[in-house]
Amino acid sequence: MQQFVGPPAEHQVATLAEPVVEVARRILAARADEVAHYAKLYPLLLAEMDEIMADWDRNTDELPWSLLERSERQNDLSTVITRVIDCAMSSASRKERVDGIIAAACSHGQCRRKQGLDVPSIFREYDAVRAATWHHLKTLASAPTSYDAIFVIDGLLSIATRVTVLGYHRDEMEANGLWSKHLLELKESVRS
């Protein structure tokens, strides 16, 4: 039996456990550095939420949304988009940001099902949101900053779309024991 032998004593480095608070500070600082070049867009893009949703509304003034009461059309989609922007750009903890986007998108899917909309309409509404968000983002920042920001936001919109569809099918997913598995997979896929 071969026994593992570590490095000679003269090459061993004493390691001290890094305090959890220091780890958290380091992570937050790294997050701040990662988004620093487009972080100024965060409040500007959030301020554009009404215009983004107005663009969405103009692009979805057709079936099946036109059958819904005007007050019910957007549902909580603006909350999902706000959470997407928050997840992309805020300095909140990853767990808080990811949980926020997951909860909002799942709720949106459940509401769309109760409203009687079909799954393809979910994909069409997110496509309209993408176009509106990209349009407004380009007016707020020039390239390459706008490209970096939209790359992250677009990825998060893809995840939000998937979570919305998961929320739409929540009852079936839970009945088949698949809910937790797919929810965890989506949470882990968030690049943020």
N, C-alpha and C. Protein backbone atom coordinates (compact mmCIF):
# COMPACT_ATOMS: atom_id res chain seq x y z
N MET A 1 0.84 -1.17 0.00
CA MET A 1 0.00 0.00 0.00
C MET A 1 0.89 1.23 0.00
N GLN A 2 0.60 2.12 -0.95
CA GLN A 2 1.40 3.33 -1.05
C GLN A 2 0.78 4.41 -0.16
N GLN A 3 1.59 5.11 0.55
CA GLN A 3 1.11 6.14 1.46
C GLN A 3 1.41 7.51 0.85
N PHE A 4 0.42 8.42 0.96
CA PHE A 4 0.61 9.77 0.44
C PHE A 4 1.54 10.53 1.37
N VAL A 5 2.50 11.17 0.77
CA VAL A 5 3.44 11.99 1.53
C VAL A 5 3.29 13.41 1.03
N GLY A 6 3.05 14.33 1.93
CA GLY A 6 2.88 15.74 1.56
C GLY A 6 4.21 16.38 1.24
N PRO A 7 4.18 17.66 0.93
CA PRO A 7 5.42 18.36 0.61
C PRO A 7 6.32 18.42 1.83
N PRO A 8 7.62 18.54 1.59
CA PRO A 8 8.56 18.64 2.71
C PRO A 8 8.19 19.83 3.59
N ALA A 9 8.53 19.75 4.84
CA ALA A 9 8.18 20.77 5.82
C ALA A 9 8.59 22.17 5.38
N GLU A 10 9.75 22.29 4.71
CA GLU A 10 10.20 23.63 4.31
C GLU A 10 9.33 24.24 3.21
N HIS A 11 8.52 23.40 2.51
CA HIS A 11 7.64 23.91 1.46
C HIS A 11 6.20 24.06 1.91
N GLN A 12 5.90 23.66 3.11
CA GLN A 12 4.54 23.79 3.61
C GLN A 12 4.29 25.22 4.05
N VAL A 13 3.10 25.71 3.72
CA VAL A 13 2.72 27.06 4.09
C VAL A 13 1.59 26.96 5.10
N ALA A 14 1.75 27.68 6.17
CA ALA A 14 0.68 27.69 7.17
C ALA A 14 -0.50 28.47 6.59
N THR A 15 -1.69 27.89 6.66
CA THR A 15 -2.87 28.58 6.19
C THR A 15 -3.79 28.84 7.36
N LEU A 16 -4.27 30.03 7.41
CA LEU A 16 -5.23 30.40 8.44
C LEU A 16 -6.60 30.45 7.79
N ALA A 17 -7.58 30.04 8.51
CA ALA A 17 -8.94 30.09 7.99
C ALA A 17 -9.35 31.55 7.85
N GLU A 18 -9.82 31.89 6.66
CA GLU A 18 -10.26 33.25 6.40
C GLU A 18 -11.62 33.45 7.05
N PRO A 19 -11.78 34.50 7.83
CA PRO A 19 -13.08 34.74 8.48
C PRO A 19 -14.19 34.90 7.43
N VAL A 20 -15.35 34.41 7.76
CA VAL A 20 -16.49 34.44 6.85
C VAL A 20 -16.80 35.88 6.40
N VAL A 21 -16.69 36.82 7.30
CA VAL A 21 -16.96 38.22 6.96
C VAL A 21 -16.00 38.69 5.87
N GLU A 22 -14.73 38.29 5.97
CA GLU A 22 -13.75 38.68 4.96
C GLU A 22 -14.04 38.03 3.62
N VAL A 23 -14.48 36.78 3.65
CA VAL A 23 -14.85 36.09 2.41
C VAL A 23 -16.02 36.84 1.76
N ALA A 24 -17.02 37.19 2.55
CA ALA A 24 -18.18 37.91 2.02
C ALA A 24 -17.76 39.25 1.42
N ARG A 25 -16.89 39.97 2.10
CA ARG A 25 -16.41 41.26 1.57
C ARG A 25 -15.66 41.07 0.26
N ARG A 26 -14.84 40.03 0.20
CA ARG A 26 -14.08 39.76 -1.01
C ARG A 26 -15.01 39.42 -2.18
N ILE A 27 -16.03 38.63 -1.90
CA ILE A 27 -17.00 38.27 -2.94
C ILE A 27 -17.75 39.51 -3.42
N LEU A 28 -18.21 40.33 -2.50
CA LEU A 28 -18.93 41.55 -2.87
C LEU A 28 -18.04 42.50 -3.67
N ALA A 29 -16.78 42.60 -3.28
CA ALA A 29 -15.85 43.47 -4.00
C ALA A 29 -15.63 42.94 -5.41
N ALA A 30 -15.50 41.63 -5.55
CA ALA A 30 -15.32 41.04 -6.88
C ALA A 30 -16.56 41.28 -7.73
N ARG A 31 -17.73 41.16 -7.13
CA ARG A 31 -18.99 41.42 -7.84
C ARG A 31 -19.03 42.88 -8.29
N ALA A 32 -18.66 43.78 -7.40
CA ALA A 32 -18.66 45.21 -7.74
C ALA A 32 -17.70 45.48 -8.89
N ASP A 33 -16.53 44.85 -8.87
CA ASP A 33 -15.57 45.03 -9.97
C ASP A 33 -16.11 44.48 -11.28
N GLU A 34 -16.80 43.34 -11.20
CA GLU A 34 -17.33 42.69 -12.40
C GLU A 34 -18.35 43.57 -13.11
N VAL A 35 -19.19 44.24 -12.37
CA VAL A 35 -20.27 45.03 -12.98
C VAL A 35 -20.00 46.53 -12.97
N ALA A 36 -18.82 46.93 -12.51
CA ALA A 36 -18.53 48.36 -12.34
C ALA A 36 -18.73 49.16 -13.62
N HIS A 37 -18.30 48.62 -14.77
CA HIS A 37 -18.38 49.40 -16.00
C HIS A 37 -19.80 49.60 -16.50
N TYR A 38 -20.75 48.78 -16.05
CA TYR A 38 -22.13 49.03 -16.46
C TYR A 38 -23.07 49.21 -15.28
N ALA A 39 -22.55 49.29 -14.08
CA ALA A 39 -23.40 49.45 -12.89
C ALA A 39 -24.17 50.77 -12.92
N LYS A 40 -23.61 51.79 -13.53
CA LYS A 40 -24.33 53.06 -13.60
C LYS A 40 -25.61 52.93 -14.42
N LEU A 41 -25.70 51.90 -15.25
CA LEU A 41 -26.91 51.67 -16.03
C LEU A 41 -28.07 51.16 -15.18
N TYR A 42 -27.76 50.57 -14.05
CA TYR A 42 -28.78 49.93 -13.21
C TYR A 42 -29.93 50.88 -12.89
N PRO A 43 -29.67 52.02 -12.25
CA PRO A 43 -30.81 52.90 -11.96
C PRO A 43 -31.42 53.52 -13.22
N LEU A 44 -30.60 53.74 -14.23
CA LEU A 44 -31.12 54.32 -15.48
C LEU A 44 -32.07 53.36 -16.18
N LEU A 45 -31.69 52.09 -16.22
CA LEU A 45 -32.53 51.09 -16.87
C LEU A 45 -33.81 50.85 -16.06
N LEU A 46 -33.69 50.83 -14.75
CA LEU A 46 -34.89 50.68 -13.91
C LEU A 46 -35.83 51.86 -14.11
N ALA A 47 -35.28 53.04 -14.30
CA ALA A 47 -36.11 54.23 -14.55
C ALA A 47 -36.85 54.13 -15.87
N GLU A 48 -36.36 53.29 -16.79
CA GLU A 48 -36.99 53.11 -18.09
C GLU A 48 -38.07 52.01 -18.07
N MET A 49 -38.33 51.42 -16.89
CA MET A 49 -39.25 50.29 -16.83
C MET A 49 -40.63 50.60 -17.41
N ASP A 50 -41.17 51.77 -17.13
CA ASP A 50 -42.49 52.11 -17.68
C ASP A 50 -42.45 52.14 -19.21
N GLU A 51 -41.37 52.70 -19.77
CA GLU A 51 -41.25 52.76 -21.23
C GLU A 51 -41.02 51.37 -21.83
N ILE A 52 -40.24 50.55 -21.15
CA ILE A 52 -40.02 49.18 -21.62
C ILE A 52 -41.34 48.43 -21.66
N MET A 53 -42.12 48.57 -20.61
CA MET A 53 -43.40 47.87 -20.56
C MET A 53 -44.40 48.47 -21.56
N ALA A 54 -44.31 49.78 -21.84
CA ALA A 54 -45.16 50.39 -22.86
C ALA A 54 -44.81 49.83 -24.24
N ASP A 55 -43.51 49.66 -24.49
CA ASP A 55 -43.08 49.04 -25.75
C ASP A 55 -43.59 47.61 -25.83
N TRP A 56 -43.47 46.88 -24.74
CA TRP A 56 -43.99 45.51 -24.70
C TRP A 56 -45.48 45.52 -25.01
N ASP A 57 -46.20 46.45 -24.40
CA ASP A 57 -47.64 46.54 -24.58
C ASP A 57 -48.00 46.80 -26.04
N ARG A 58 -47.27 47.68 -26.70
CA ARG A 58 -47.53 47.97 -28.12
C ARG A 58 -47.23 46.75 -28.99
N ASN A 59 -46.25 45.95 -28.60
CA ASN A 59 -45.86 44.78 -29.39
C ASN A 59 -46.69 43.54 -29.08
N THR A 60 -47.55 43.64 -28.09
CA THR A 60 -48.40 42.49 -27.75
C THR A 60 -49.87 42.88 -27.80
N ASP A 61 -50.19 43.89 -28.56
CA ASP A 61 -51.57 44.33 -28.70
C ASP A 61 -52.28 43.44 -29.73
N GLU A 62 -52.29 42.17 -29.43
CA GLU A 62 -52.85 41.15 -30.32
C GLU A 62 -53.28 39.98 -29.46
N LEU A 63 -53.83 38.97 -30.08
CA LEU A 63 -54.18 37.76 -29.33
C LEU A 63 -52.91 37.09 -28.84
N PRO A 64 -52.86 36.47 -27.71
CA PRO A 64 -53.92 36.26 -26.75
C PRO A 64 -54.05 37.38 -25.72
N TRP A 65 -53.09 38.30 -25.68
CA TRP A 65 -53.10 39.34 -24.65
C TRP A 65 -54.29 40.28 -24.79
N SER A 66 -54.72 40.53 -26.03
CA SER A 66 -55.81 41.47 -26.25
C SER A 66 -57.13 40.95 -25.67
N LEU A 67 -57.22 39.66 -25.40
CA LEU A 67 -58.42 39.11 -24.77
C LEU A 67 -58.46 39.40 -23.26
N LEU A 68 -57.31 39.74 -22.71
CA LEU A 68 -57.24 40.01 -21.27
C LEU A 68 -57.62 41.45 -20.98
N GLU A 69 -58.13 41.68 -19.79
CA GLU A 69 -58.39 43.04 -19.34
C GLU A 69 -57.08 43.80 -19.36
N ARG A 70 -57.13 45.06 -19.71
CA ARG A 70 -55.91 45.88 -19.79
C ARG A 70 -55.12 45.79 -18.48
N SER A 71 -55.79 45.78 -17.35
CA SER A 71 -55.11 45.72 -16.05
C SER A 71 -54.45 44.37 -15.79
N GLU A 72 -54.83 43.35 -16.54
CA GLU A 72 -54.29 42.01 -16.35
C GLU A 72 -53.25 41.62 -17.39
N ARG A 73 -53.07 42.43 -18.40
CA ARG A 73 -52.21 42.05 -19.53
C ARG A 73 -50.76 41.86 -19.13
N GLN A 74 -50.23 42.85 -18.45
CA GLN A 74 -48.81 42.76 -18.09
C GLN A 74 -48.59 41.82 -16.93
N ASN A 75 -49.66 41.59 -16.17
CA ASN A 75 -49.54 40.70 -15.03
C ASN A 75 -48.41 41.22 -14.16
N ASP A 76 -47.48 40.38 -13.80
CA ASP A 76 -46.31 40.81 -13.01
C ASP A 76 -45.03 40.73 -13.83
N LEU A 77 -45.17 40.85 -15.14
CA LEU A 77 -44.00 40.78 -16.03
C LEU A 77 -42.99 41.87 -15.70
N SER A 78 -43.47 43.07 -15.34
CA SER A 78 -42.52 44.14 -15.01
C SER A 78 -41.70 43.78 -13.77
N THR A 79 -42.29 43.02 -12.86
CA THR A 79 -41.54 42.55 -11.68
C THR A 79 -40.43 41.59 -12.12
N VAL A 80 -40.74 40.71 -13.07
CA VAL A 80 -39.73 39.78 -13.58
C VAL A 80 -38.59 40.57 -14.21
N ILE A 81 -38.92 41.55 -15.04
CA ILE A 81 -37.88 42.33 -15.72
C ILE A 81 -37.05 43.12 -14.70
N THR A 82 -37.72 43.66 -13.71
CA THR A 82 -36.99 44.37 -12.64
C THR A 82 -36.03 43.43 -11.94
N ARG A 83 -36.46 42.21 -11.68
CA ARG A 83 -35.60 41.22 -11.03
C ARG A 83 -34.46 40.79 -11.95
N VAL A 84 -34.70 40.73 -13.25
CA VAL A 84 -33.64 40.41 -14.20
C VAL A 84 -32.56 41.49 -14.14
N ILE A 85 -32.99 42.74 -14.20
CA ILE A 85 -32.04 43.85 -14.14
C ILE A 85 -31.31 43.84 -12.80
N ASP A 86 -32.04 43.60 -11.73
CA ASP A 86 -31.44 43.53 -10.40
C ASP A 86 -30.41 42.41 -10.33
N CYS A 87 -30.75 41.26 -10.87
CA CYS A 87 -29.83 40.12 -10.84
C CYS A 87 -28.58 40.42 -11.64
N ALA A 88 -28.73 41.14 -12.73
CA ALA A 88 -27.58 41.46 -13.58
C ALA A 88 -26.66 42.50 -12.97
N MET A 89 -27.22 43.45 -12.24
CA MET A 89 -26.43 44.62 -11.91
C MET A 89 -26.35 45.00 -10.44
N SER A 90 -27.19 44.46 -9.58
CA SER A 90 -27.15 44.93 -8.20
C SER A 90 -26.02 44.27 -7.41
N SER A 91 -25.75 44.83 -6.27
CA SER A 91 -24.68 44.29 -5.42
C SER A 91 -25.24 43.41 -4.31
N ALA A 92 -26.52 43.09 -4.36
CA ALA A 92 -27.11 42.18 -3.37
C ALA A 92 -26.44 40.81 -3.50
N SER A 93 -26.62 39.99 -2.50
CA SER A 93 -26.01 38.66 -2.53
C SER A 93 -26.57 37.85 -3.70
N ARG A 94 -25.76 36.92 -4.20
CA ARG A 94 -26.20 36.08 -5.32
C ARG A 94 -27.49 35.36 -4.98
N LYS A 95 -27.58 34.80 -3.80
CA LYS A 95 -28.78 34.07 -3.39
C LYS A 95 -30.01 34.97 -3.45
N GLU A 96 -29.89 36.17 -2.93
CA GLU A 96 -31.01 37.10 -2.93
C GLU A 96 -31.43 37.46 -4.36
N ARG A 97 -30.45 37.73 -5.22
CA ARG A 97 -30.74 38.10 -6.60
C ARG A 97 -31.36 36.94 -7.36
N VAL A 98 -30.80 35.75 -7.22
CA VAL A 98 -31.30 34.58 -7.95
C VAL A 98 -32.68 34.18 -7.43
N ASP A 99 -32.84 34.15 -6.11
CA ASP A 99 -34.16 33.80 -5.56
C ASP A 99 -35.23 34.79 -6.03
N GLY A 100 -34.87 36.07 -6.15
CA GLY A 100 -35.83 37.08 -6.60
C GLY A 100 -36.30 36.84 -8.03
N ILE A 101 -35.37 36.57 -8.91
CA ILE A 101 -35.74 36.33 -10.31
C ILE A 101 -36.54 35.03 -10.45
N ILE A 102 -36.14 34.01 -9.71
CA ILE A 102 -36.83 32.71 -9.79
C ILE A 102 -38.27 32.85 -9.29
N ALA A 103 -38.46 33.50 -8.14
CA ALA A 103 -39.80 33.66 -7.57
C ALA A 103 -40.70 34.47 -8.49
N ALA A 104 -40.18 35.57 -9.02
CA ALA A 104 -41.00 36.43 -9.88
C ALA A 104 -41.39 35.71 -11.17
N ALA A 105 -40.45 35.04 -11.81
CA ALA A 105 -40.74 34.36 -13.08
C ALA A 105 -41.69 33.18 -12.87
N CYS A 106 -41.50 32.45 -11.80
CA CYS A 106 -42.38 31.32 -11.50
C CYS A 106 -43.82 31.81 -11.27
N SER A 107 -43.96 32.86 -10.51
CA SER A 107 -45.27 33.44 -10.25
C SER A 107 -45.93 33.91 -11.55
N HIS A 108 -45.13 34.51 -12.41
CA HIS A 108 -45.65 34.98 -13.70
C HIS A 108 -46.19 33.80 -14.51
N GLY A 109 -45.46 32.70 -14.53
CA GLY A 109 -45.92 31.51 -15.26
C GLY A 109 -47.22 30.95 -14.70
N GLN A 110 -47.31 30.91 -13.38
CA GLN A 110 -48.54 30.42 -12.76
C GLN A 110 -49.72 31.32 -13.11
N CYS A 111 -49.49 32.62 -13.11
CA CYS A 111 -50.56 33.57 -13.46
C CYS A 111 -50.97 33.42 -14.92
N ARG A 112 -50.00 33.28 -15.82
CA ARG A 112 -50.33 33.12 -17.23
C ARG A 112 -51.18 31.86 -17.45
N ARG A 113 -50.90 30.82 -16.70
CA ARG A 113 -51.71 29.61 -16.84
C ARG A 113 -53.14 29.87 -16.37
N LYS A 114 -53.27 30.54 -15.23
CA LYS A 114 -54.61 30.86 -14.71
C LYS A 114 -55.37 31.75 -15.69
N GLN A 115 -54.65 32.59 -16.42
CA GLN A 115 -55.28 33.48 -17.39
C GLN A 115 -55.66 32.74 -18.67
N GLY A 116 -55.19 31.52 -18.83
CA GLY A 116 -55.54 30.73 -20.00
C GLY A 116 -54.65 30.96 -21.20
N LEU A 117 -53.52 31.62 -21.02
CA LEU A 117 -52.59 31.80 -22.13
C LEU A 117 -51.84 30.49 -22.38
N ASP A 118 -51.39 30.30 -23.60
CA ASP A 118 -50.65 29.08 -23.91
C ASP A 118 -49.14 29.33 -23.78
N VAL A 119 -48.37 28.26 -23.74
CA VAL A 119 -46.93 28.34 -23.56
C VAL A 119 -46.24 29.13 -24.67
N PRO A 120 -46.60 28.95 -25.95
CA PRO A 120 -45.93 29.75 -26.98
C PRO A 120 -46.06 31.26 -26.77
N SER A 121 -47.16 31.69 -26.16
CA SER A 121 -47.32 33.13 -25.91
C SER A 121 -46.29 33.63 -24.90
N ILE A 122 -45.84 32.77 -24.00
CA ILE A 122 -44.80 33.15 -23.04
C ILE A 122 -43.51 33.48 -23.78
N PHE A 123 -43.16 32.65 -24.75
CA PHE A 123 -41.94 32.90 -25.52
C PHE A 123 -42.07 34.19 -26.34
N ARG A 124 -43.25 34.44 -26.89
CA ARG A 124 -43.45 35.66 -27.68
C ARG A 124 -43.38 36.90 -26.79
N GLU A 125 -43.93 36.83 -25.58
CA GLU A 125 -43.88 38.01 -24.72
C GLU A 125 -42.46 38.30 -24.25
N TYR A 126 -41.67 37.27 -23.99
CA TYR A 126 -40.27 37.50 -23.61
C TYR A 126 -39.46 38.03 -24.79
N ASP A 127 -39.80 37.62 -25.98
CA ASP A 127 -39.14 38.17 -27.16
C ASP A 127 -39.42 39.67 -27.27
N ALA A 128 -40.65 40.07 -27.01
CA ALA A 128 -41.01 41.49 -27.04
C ALA A 128 -40.28 42.26 -25.93
N VAL A 129 -40.14 41.64 -24.77
CA VAL A 129 -39.42 42.27 -23.66
C VAL A 129 -37.94 42.44 -24.02
N ARG A 130 -37.35 41.43 -24.63
CA ARG A 130 -35.95 41.51 -25.06
C ARG A 130 -35.75 42.70 -26.00
N ALA A 131 -36.61 42.78 -27.00
CA ALA A 131 -36.48 43.86 -27.98
C ALA A 131 -36.62 45.22 -27.32
N ALA A 132 -37.59 45.38 -26.45
CA ALA A 132 -37.80 46.66 -25.78
C ALA A 132 -36.64 47.00 -24.85
N THR A 133 -36.14 46.02 -24.12
CA THR A 133 -35.02 46.26 -23.20
C THR A 133 -33.77 46.64 -23.98
N TRP A 134 -33.49 45.92 -25.04
CA TRP A 134 -32.32 46.21 -25.88
C TRP A 134 -32.42 47.62 -26.46
N HIS A 135 -33.60 47.99 -26.94
CA HIS A 135 -33.81 49.32 -27.52
C HIS A 135 -33.50 50.40 -26.49
N HIS A 136 -34.01 50.26 -25.29
CA HIS A 136 -33.80 51.28 -24.26
C HIS A 136 -32.37 51.26 -23.74
N LEU A 137 -31.79 50.10 -23.64
CA LEU A 137 -30.41 50.01 -23.16
C LEU A 137 -29.46 50.71 -24.13
N LYS A 138 -29.69 50.55 -25.42
CA LYS A 138 -28.82 51.20 -26.41
C LYS A 138 -28.90 52.72 -26.34
N THR A 139 -30.00 53.26 -25.84
CA THR A 139 -30.10 54.72 -25.71
C THR A 139 -29.40 55.22 -24.45
N LEU A 140 -29.13 54.33 -23.52
CA LEU A 140 -28.53 54.71 -22.24
C LEU A 140 -27.01 54.60 -22.22
N ALA A 141 -26.47 53.71 -23.05
CA ALA A 141 -25.01 53.50 -23.05
C ALA A 141 -24.56 53.09 -24.44
N SER A 142 -23.35 53.44 -24.74
CA SER A 142 -22.80 53.07 -26.04
C SER A 142 -22.03 51.75 -25.91
N ALA A 143 -21.65 51.21 -27.05
CA ALA A 143 -20.84 49.99 -27.07
C ALA A 143 -19.45 50.33 -26.55
N PRO A 144 -18.77 49.46 -25.90
CA PRO A 144 -19.08 48.06 -25.62
C PRO A 144 -19.89 47.87 -24.33
N THR A 145 -20.08 48.93 -23.55
CA THR A 145 -20.80 48.81 -22.28
C THR A 145 -22.21 48.26 -22.50
N SER A 146 -22.91 48.77 -23.49
CA SER A 146 -24.27 48.29 -23.74
C SER A 146 -24.26 46.81 -24.12
N TYR A 147 -23.24 46.38 -24.87
CA TYR A 147 -23.17 44.97 -25.26
C TYR A 147 -22.92 44.06 -24.06
N ASP A 148 -22.03 44.48 -23.17
CA ASP A 148 -21.78 43.69 -21.96
C ASP A 148 -23.06 43.56 -21.13
N ALA A 149 -23.74 44.67 -20.96
CA ALA A 149 -24.96 44.66 -20.14
C ALA A 149 -26.05 43.81 -20.77
N ILE A 150 -26.28 43.96 -22.06
CA ILE A 150 -27.35 43.20 -22.69
C ILE A 150 -27.01 41.72 -22.76
N PHE A 151 -25.73 41.38 -22.87
CA PHE A 151 -25.34 39.97 -22.87
C PHE A 151 -25.77 39.29 -21.57
N VAL A 152 -25.51 39.95 -20.46
CA VAL A 152 -25.90 39.40 -19.16
C VAL A 152 -27.42 39.39 -19.02
N ILE A 153 -28.06 40.51 -19.37
CA ILE A 153 -29.51 40.61 -19.23
C ILE A 153 -30.21 39.59 -20.13
N ASP A 154 -29.73 39.43 -21.36
CA ASP A 154 -30.34 38.46 -22.26
C ASP A 154 -30.24 37.04 -21.71
N GLY A 155 -29.09 36.70 -21.16
CA GLY A 155 -28.95 35.38 -20.54
C GLY A 155 -29.93 35.17 -19.40
N LEU A 156 -30.12 36.21 -18.61
CA LEU A 156 -31.06 36.13 -17.49
C LEU A 156 -32.50 36.08 -17.99
N LEU A 157 -32.80 36.78 -19.09
CA LEU A 157 -34.14 36.69 -19.67
C LEU A 157 -34.42 35.28 -20.17
N SER A 158 -33.40 34.61 -20.68
CA SER A 158 -33.57 33.21 -21.11
C SER A 158 -33.92 32.33 -19.91
N ILE A 159 -33.22 32.54 -18.82
CA ILE A 159 -33.53 31.76 -17.62
C ILE A 159 -34.91 32.11 -17.10
N ALA A 160 -35.26 33.41 -17.10
CA ALA A 160 -36.59 33.83 -16.64
C ALA A 160 -37.68 33.18 -17.50
N THR A 161 -37.43 33.08 -18.79
CA THR A 161 -38.39 32.43 -19.68
C THR A 161 -38.58 30.97 -19.27
N ARG A 162 -37.47 30.29 -19.05
CA ARG A 162 -37.54 28.87 -18.65
C ARG A 162 -38.25 28.71 -17.31
N VAL A 163 -37.96 29.61 -16.36
CA VAL A 163 -38.61 29.53 -15.05
C VAL A 163 -40.10 29.83 -15.18
N THR A 164 -40.46 30.76 -16.07
CA THR A 164 -41.88 31.06 -16.28
C THR A 164 -42.60 29.83 -16.81
N VAL A 165 -41.99 29.14 -17.74
CA VAL A 165 -42.59 27.90 -18.27
C VAL A 165 -42.65 26.84 -17.16
N LEU A 166 -41.62 26.77 -16.34
CA LEU A 166 -41.64 25.83 -15.21
C LEU A 166 -42.79 26.17 -14.27
N GLY A 167 -42.95 27.45 -13.96
CA GLY A 167 -44.05 27.88 -13.09
C GLY A 167 -45.40 27.58 -13.72
N TYR A 168 -45.50 27.73 -15.03
CA TYR A 168 -46.72 27.42 -15.77
C TYR A 168 -47.11 25.95 -15.55
N HIS A 169 -46.12 25.08 -15.52
CA HIS A 169 -46.35 23.63 -15.38
C HIS A 169 -46.07 23.14 -13.96
N ARG A 170 -46.11 24.03 -12.99
CA ARG A 170 -45.73 23.65 -11.62
C ARG A 170 -46.51 22.45 -11.10
N ASP A 171 -47.82 22.46 -11.26
CA ASP A 171 -48.63 21.36 -10.72
C ASP A 171 -48.18 20.00 -11.25
N GLU A 172 -47.97 19.93 -12.56
CA GLU A 172 -47.54 18.67 -13.17
C GLU A 172 -46.12 18.29 -12.72
N MET A 173 -45.26 19.29 -12.63
CA MET A 173 -43.88 19.02 -12.22
C MET A 173 -43.83 18.51 -10.78
N GLU A 174 -44.61 19.11 -9.91
CA GLU A 174 -44.64 18.64 -8.51
C GLU A 174 -45.25 17.25 -8.42
N ALA A 175 -46.32 17.01 -9.18
CA ALA A 175 -46.98 15.70 -9.16
C ALA A 175 -46.04 14.58 -9.62
N ASN A 176 -45.11 14.92 -10.49
CA ASN A 176 -44.16 13.92 -11.01
C ASN A 176 -42.82 13.94 -10.29
N GLY A 177 -42.72 14.72 -9.23
CA GLY A 177 -41.49 14.76 -8.46
C GLY A 177 -40.32 15.44 -9.16
N LEU A 178 -40.60 16.29 -10.13
CA LEU A 178 -39.56 16.93 -10.92
C LEU A 178 -39.33 18.40 -10.57
N TRP A 179 -40.21 18.98 -9.78
CA TRP A 179 -40.16 20.41 -9.49
C TRP A 179 -38.83 20.83 -8.89
N SER A 180 -38.45 20.24 -7.79
CA SER A 180 -37.22 20.65 -7.08
C SER A 180 -35.99 20.49 -7.94
N LYS A 181 -35.93 19.39 -8.66
CA LYS A 181 -34.77 19.11 -9.52
C LYS A 181 -34.60 20.21 -10.57
N HIS A 182 -35.68 20.55 -11.26
CA HIS A 182 -35.58 21.55 -12.33
C HIS A 182 -35.39 22.96 -11.78
N LEU A 183 -36.00 23.23 -10.64
CA LEU A 183 -35.82 24.54 -10.02
C LEU A 183 -34.36 24.74 -9.61
N LEU A 184 -33.77 23.72 -9.01
CA LEU A 184 -32.36 23.80 -8.62
C LEU A 184 -31.46 23.95 -9.85
N GLU A 185 -31.75 23.20 -10.90
CA GLU A 185 -30.96 23.30 -12.12
C GLU A 185 -30.99 24.72 -12.69
N LEU A 186 -32.17 25.34 -12.68
CA LEU A 186 -32.28 26.71 -13.18
C LEU A 186 -31.55 27.70 -12.28
N LYS A 187 -31.65 27.53 -10.98
CA LYS A 187 -30.93 28.42 -10.05
C LYS A 187 -29.43 28.33 -10.28
N GLU A 188 -28.94 27.12 -10.48
CA GLU A 188 -27.50 26.93 -10.68
C GLU A 188 -27.03 27.45 -12.04
N SER A 189 -27.94 27.57 -12.99
CA SER A 189 -27.54 28.04 -14.32
C SER A 189 -27.43 29.55 -14.42
N VAL A 190 -27.87 30.25 -13.39
CA VAL A 190 -27.80 31.71 -13.42
C VAL A 190 -26.35 32.16 -13.36
N ARG A 191 -25.95 32.90 -14.38
CA ARG A 191 -24.60 33.47 -14.40
C ARG A 191 -24.72 34.88 -13.83
N SER A 192 -24.36 34.99 -12.61
CA SER A 192 -24.48 36.30 -11.96
C SER A 192 -23.62 36.35 -10.73
